[in-house]
Amino acid sequence: MSKKRLILILVLLLGSFAVSFGLSAWLGGARPAPEDAAGKAAAAPAGAPGGAPGIDGRPLPLRPDEKLTEGLIKELRSKLEQLKLRQRKLEEREQRVRITEVKLKNIAQELESLRVKLVAPLDRLKQAKKDLDDSRIQVQQEEAANLRLAAGIYDKMSPEDSGPIFESMVQNRQLDDAVKILRFMAERTAAKVLGQLSEDTARQLMDGLKRLQQKG
C-alpha cells in the first residue's frame, strides 16, 4: 500500500470521528438539565401521577425518593382527614354532654323545689299519724278498761245467767267482743260459762281465744 493511500484512510477516519463527536455533543445538549427536570417536577400538580413531563409530553417515571415523598404526602393527608373527623366527633360529643348537664341541672332544681313544697305537708302527715297512733293507744286503753269492767260483772253472775248472753253475742256477730270479755274473766268462771253454751258457740269462742293469745 502506498503512503498516499494510508494518509487518505487516516484523514477519512479522523473526519468520521469528528462528525460522530459533533453529533453526540449536539444531541446531548438538547436534553434538559437535572435542575430543569427537578423544577418541572416541582411545578407539576401534587396530585398528578408520575413526575415531570418528558419531551413527548408524557410524565417521566418517578425516582424512588420521589415515590417515597409522594407516599408520605398521601399518608399525611389521610391522617389530617382522620384528625378532622375525630375533632368533629369530639365537638359533637361535648355539645351533647353540655346539653345533658343543663337538663340534669334543671331536673335537680325542679326536684329541690318540689321537695321544699312537700316539707310542710309531710310534717303535717307525720303529726297526723302520731295523733292517730296516740288515739289508738288511748282507745285500746279505754277498751281494755271497759272489758275488765264487763268481765268483772260477768264474773259475779252465775254461768246459767251469763251463758245466754254470750250465746246471743255470738249469734249477733259480736264474737270478738265476747272473746275479749272471756279473756279478762277468771279462767274458772270462763270455763263454767263455756260449759253452758252450745257446742258450736263454745267452739267459736275457744278458737277466738286461741287467736287472741297468739297475737299476744
Protein backbone atom coordinates (compact mmCIF):
# COMPACT_ATOMS: atom_id res chain seq x y z
CA MET A 1 0.00 0.00 0.00
CA SER A 2 1.33 3.43 -0.89
CA LYS A 3 1.86 6.24 1.57
CA LYS A 4 -0.75 8.42 -0.12
CA ARG A 5 -3.45 5.81 0.35
CA LEU A 6 -2.55 5.39 4.07
CA ILE A 7 -2.73 9.13 4.61
CA LEU A 8 -6.12 9.27 2.85
CA ILE A 9 -7.52 6.50 5.05
CA LEU A 10 -6.30 8.24 8.22
CA VAL A 11 -7.89 11.52 7.13
CA LEU A 12 -11.22 9.78 6.46
CA LEU A 13 -11.14 8.08 9.88
CA LEU A 14 -10.40 11.34 11.66
CA GLY A 15 -13.18 13.09 9.79
CA SER A 16 -15.66 10.38 10.65
CA PHE A 17 -14.70 10.55 14.33
CA ALA A 18 -15.08 14.35 14.34
CA VAL A 19 -18.52 14.16 12.75
CA SER A 20 -19.62 11.49 15.24
CA PHE A 21 -18.37 13.51 18.21
CA GLY A 22 -20.10 16.64 16.98
CA LEU A 23 -23.42 14.87 16.59
CA SER A 24 -23.16 13.40 20.10
CA ALA A 25 -22.47 16.81 21.62
CA TRP A 26 -25.36 18.39 19.74
CA LEU A 27 -27.82 15.67 20.77
CA GLY A 28 -26.65 15.74 24.41
CA GLY A 29 -27.27 19.49 24.65
CA ALA A 30 -30.92 19.01 23.66
CA ARG A 31 -31.71 17.03 26.85
CA PRO A 32 -32.97 19.05 29.89
CA ALA A 33 -30.52 19.62 32.69
CA PRO A 34 -31.20 17.81 36.01
CA GLU A 35 -32.09 21.14 37.62
CA ASP A 36 -34.65 21.89 34.88
CA ALA A 37 -36.22 18.45 35.29
CA ALA A 38 -36.47 18.90 39.04
CA GLY A 39 -38.05 22.33 38.57
CA LYS A 40 -40.63 20.90 36.17
CA ALA A 41 -41.37 18.08 38.61
CA ALA A 42 -41.92 20.60 41.39
CA ALA A 43 -44.17 22.70 39.16
CA ALA A 44 -46.37 19.70 38.31
CA PRO A 45 -49.62 19.36 40.28
CA ALA A 46 -49.28 17.46 43.58
CA GLY A 47 -52.00 15.03 42.68
CA ALA A 48 -50.75 14.35 39.09
CA PRO A 49 -49.41 10.83 38.62
CA GLY A 50 -45.78 10.39 37.63
CA GLY A 51 -43.05 13.01 37.54
CA ALA A 52 -42.33 15.94 35.25
CA PRO A 53 -43.43 15.67 31.59
CA GLY A 54 -40.80 14.42 29.13
CA ILE A 55 -40.02 15.56 25.62
CA ASP A 56 -43.08 13.79 24.25
CA GLY A 57 -45.40 15.31 26.93
CA ARG A 58 -45.80 12.09 28.92
CA PRO A 59 -44.87 12.11 32.63
CA LEU A 60 -41.50 10.67 33.38
CA PRO A 61 -41.41 7.76 35.88
CA LEU A 62 -40.77 8.84 39.47
CA ARG A 63 -37.48 8.14 41.11
CA PRO A 64 -37.53 6.06 44.36
CA ASP A 65 -37.07 9.15 46.54
CA GLU A 66 -39.91 10.94 44.71
CA LYS A 67 -42.20 7.94 45.17
CA LEU A 68 -41.39 7.91 48.92
CA THR A 69 -42.18 11.63 49.19
CA GLU A 70 -45.46 11.24 47.34
CA GLY A 71 -46.46 8.33 49.62
CA LEU A 72 -45.65 10.36 52.72
CA ILE A 73 -47.75 13.27 51.46
CA LYS A 74 -50.74 11.00 50.82
CA GLU A 75 -50.38 9.42 54.28
CA LEU A 76 -50.19 12.86 55.94
CA ARG A 77 -53.32 13.98 54.11
CA SER A 78 -55.15 10.82 55.25
CA LYS A 79 -54.05 11.40 58.85
CA LEU A 80 -55.22 15.02 58.69
CA GLU A 81 -58.65 13.93 57.45
CA GLN A 82 -58.92 11.38 60.26
CA LEU A 83 -57.94 14.01 62.83
CA LYS A 84 -60.52 16.44 61.47
CA LEU A 85 -63.22 13.76 61.62
CA ARG A 86 -62.24 12.84 65.18
CA GLN A 87 -62.25 16.50 66.16
CA ARG A 88 -65.78 16.94 64.79
CA LYS A 89 -66.98 13.87 66.71
CA LEU A 90 -65.41 15.17 69.93
CA GLU A 91 -67.06 18.56 69.47
CA GLU A 92 -70.44 16.91 68.87
CA ARG A 93 -70.00 14.74 71.98
CA GLU A 94 -69.04 17.75 74.09
CA GLN A 95 -72.12 19.57 72.86
CA ARG A 96 -74.36 16.61 73.81
CA VAL A 97 -72.69 16.45 77.23
CA ARG A 98 -73.33 20.16 77.81
CA ILE A 99 -76.97 19.77 76.80
CA THR A 100 -77.36 16.78 79.14
CA GLU A 101 -75.75 18.69 82.00
CA VAL A 102 -78.17 21.58 81.53
CA LYS A 103 -81.14 19.18 81.51
CA LEU A 104 -79.91 17.41 84.65
CA LYS A 105 -79.39 20.74 86.39
CA ASN A 106 -82.93 21.81 85.55
CA ILE A 107 -84.32 18.48 86.79
CA ALA A 108 -82.34 18.82 90.04
CA GLN A 109 -83.72 22.31 90.57
CA GLU A 110 -87.27 21.10 89.95
CA LEU A 111 -86.81 18.22 92.40
CA GLU A 112 -85.41 20.55 95.05
CA SER A 113 -88.34 22.93 94.56
CA LEU A 114 -90.77 20.01 94.86
CA ARG A 115 -89.00 18.78 97.99
CA VAL A 116 -89.34 22.20 99.61
CA LYS A 117 -93.03 22.27 98.74
CA LEU A 118 -93.58 18.81 100.24
CA VAL A 119 -91.81 19.51 103.54
CA ALA A 120 -94.82 21.11 105.21
CA PRO A 121 -97.37 18.50 104.01
CA LEU A 122 -95.09 15.68 105.10
CA ASP A 123 -94.67 17.23 108.52
CA ARG A 124 -98.44 17.53 108.85
CA LEU A 125 -98.86 13.93 107.72
CA LYS A 126 -96.33 12.73 110.30
CA GLN A 127 -98.10 14.68 113.02
CA ALA A 128 -101.49 13.28 111.94
CA LYS A 129 -100.09 9.74 112.03
CA LYS A 130 -98.69 10.33 115.50
CA ASP A 131 -102.03 11.72 116.68
CA LEU A 132 -103.79 8.69 115.20
CA ASP A 133 -101.41 6.30 116.91
CA ASP A 134 -101.91 8.12 120.18
CA SER A 135 -105.67 7.94 119.70
CA ARG A 136 -105.49 4.22 119.00
CA ILE A 137 -103.45 3.67 122.14
CA GLN A 138 -105.95 5.69 124.13
CA VAL A 139 -108.87 3.77 122.60
CA GLN A 140 -107.17 0.48 123.34
CA GLN A 141 -106.56 1.52 126.90
CA GLU A 142 -110.17 2.65 127.31
CA GLU A 143 -111.40 -0.53 125.63
CA ALA A 144 -109.28 -2.65 127.93
CA ALA A 145 -110.70 -0.80 130.95
CA ASN A 146 -114.25 -1.33 129.72
CA LEU A 147 -113.57 -5.03 129.02
CA ARG A 148 -112.18 -5.51 132.51
CA LEU A 149 -115.24 -3.84 133.94
CA ALA A 150 -117.59 -6.06 131.89
CA ALA A 151 -115.56 -9.15 132.79
CA GLY A 152 -115.84 -8.30 136.47
CA ILE A 153 -119.61 -8.06 136.12
CA TYR A 154 -119.86 -11.42 134.33
CA ASP A 155 -117.59 -12.98 136.93
CA LYS A 156 -120.15 -12.10 139.59
CA MET A 157 -123.01 -13.60 137.56
CA SER A 158 -123.80 -17.29 137.59
CA PRO A 159 -122.84 -19.25 134.46
CA GLU A 160 -126.52 -20.06 133.92
CA ASP A 161 -127.30 -16.33 133.67
CA SER A 162 -124.22 -15.19 131.70
CA GLY A 163 -124.25 -18.14 129.27
CA PRO A 164 -127.32 -17.00 127.27
CA ILE A 165 -125.77 -13.52 126.99
CA PHE A 166 -122.63 -14.89 125.35
CA GLU A 167 -124.78 -17.10 123.12
CA SER A 168 -126.68 -14.03 121.95
CA MET A 169 -123.48 -12.03 121.35
CA VAL A 170 -122.07 -14.73 119.07
CA GLN A 171 -125.31 -15.02 117.12
CA ASN A 172 -125.40 -11.22 116.68
CA ARG A 173 -121.87 -11.10 115.18
CA GLN A 174 -120.21 -9.84 118.35
CA LEU A 175 -117.82 -12.77 118.57
CA ASP A 176 -114.73 -10.56 119.04
CA ASP A 177 -116.30 -8.71 121.97
CA ALA A 178 -117.38 -11.96 123.61
CA VAL A 179 -113.87 -13.42 123.21
CA LYS A 180 -112.23 -10.31 124.72
CA ILE A 181 -114.58 -10.37 127.73
CA LEU A 182 -113.91 -14.07 128.30
CA ARG A 183 -110.18 -13.36 128.23
CA PHE A 184 -110.45 -10.84 131.10
CA MET A 185 -112.71 -13.14 133.15
CA ALA A 186 -111.35 -15.53 135.69
CA GLU A 187 -110.39 -18.81 134.00
CA ARG A 188 -112.63 -20.88 136.27
CA THR A 189 -115.66 -18.71 135.64
CA ALA A 190 -114.98 -18.58 131.87
CA ALA A 191 -114.79 -22.38 131.78
CA LYS A 192 -118.17 -22.65 133.51
CA VAL A 193 -119.69 -20.20 131.05
CA LEU A 194 -118.37 -22.21 128.09
CA GLY A 195 -119.97 -25.29 129.61
CA GLN A 196 -123.39 -23.60 129.40
CA LEU A 197 -123.09 -22.80 125.69
CA SER A 198 -123.95 -24.86 122.64
CA GLU A 199 -121.16 -26.88 121.08
CA ASP A 200 -120.84 -24.60 118.02
CA THR A 201 -120.80 -21.38 120.09
CA ALA A 202 -118.28 -22.80 122.54
CA ARG A 203 -116.03 -23.89 119.65
CA GLN A 204 -116.09 -20.40 118.07
CA LEU A 205 -115.22 -18.76 121.39
CA MET A 206 -112.37 -21.21 122.02
CA ASP A 207 -110.93 -20.60 118.55
CA GLY A 208 -111.18 -16.85 119.12
CA LEU A 209 -109.35 -17.15 122.46
CA LYS A 210 -106.54 -19.11 120.76
CA ARG A 211 -106.11 -16.47 118.04
CA LEU A 212 -106.11 -13.71 120.63
CA GLN A 213 -103.42 -15.44 122.68
CA GLN A 214 -101.26 -15.98 119.58
CA LYS A 215 -101.42 -12.26 118.78
CA GLY A 216 -100.29 -11.55 122.34
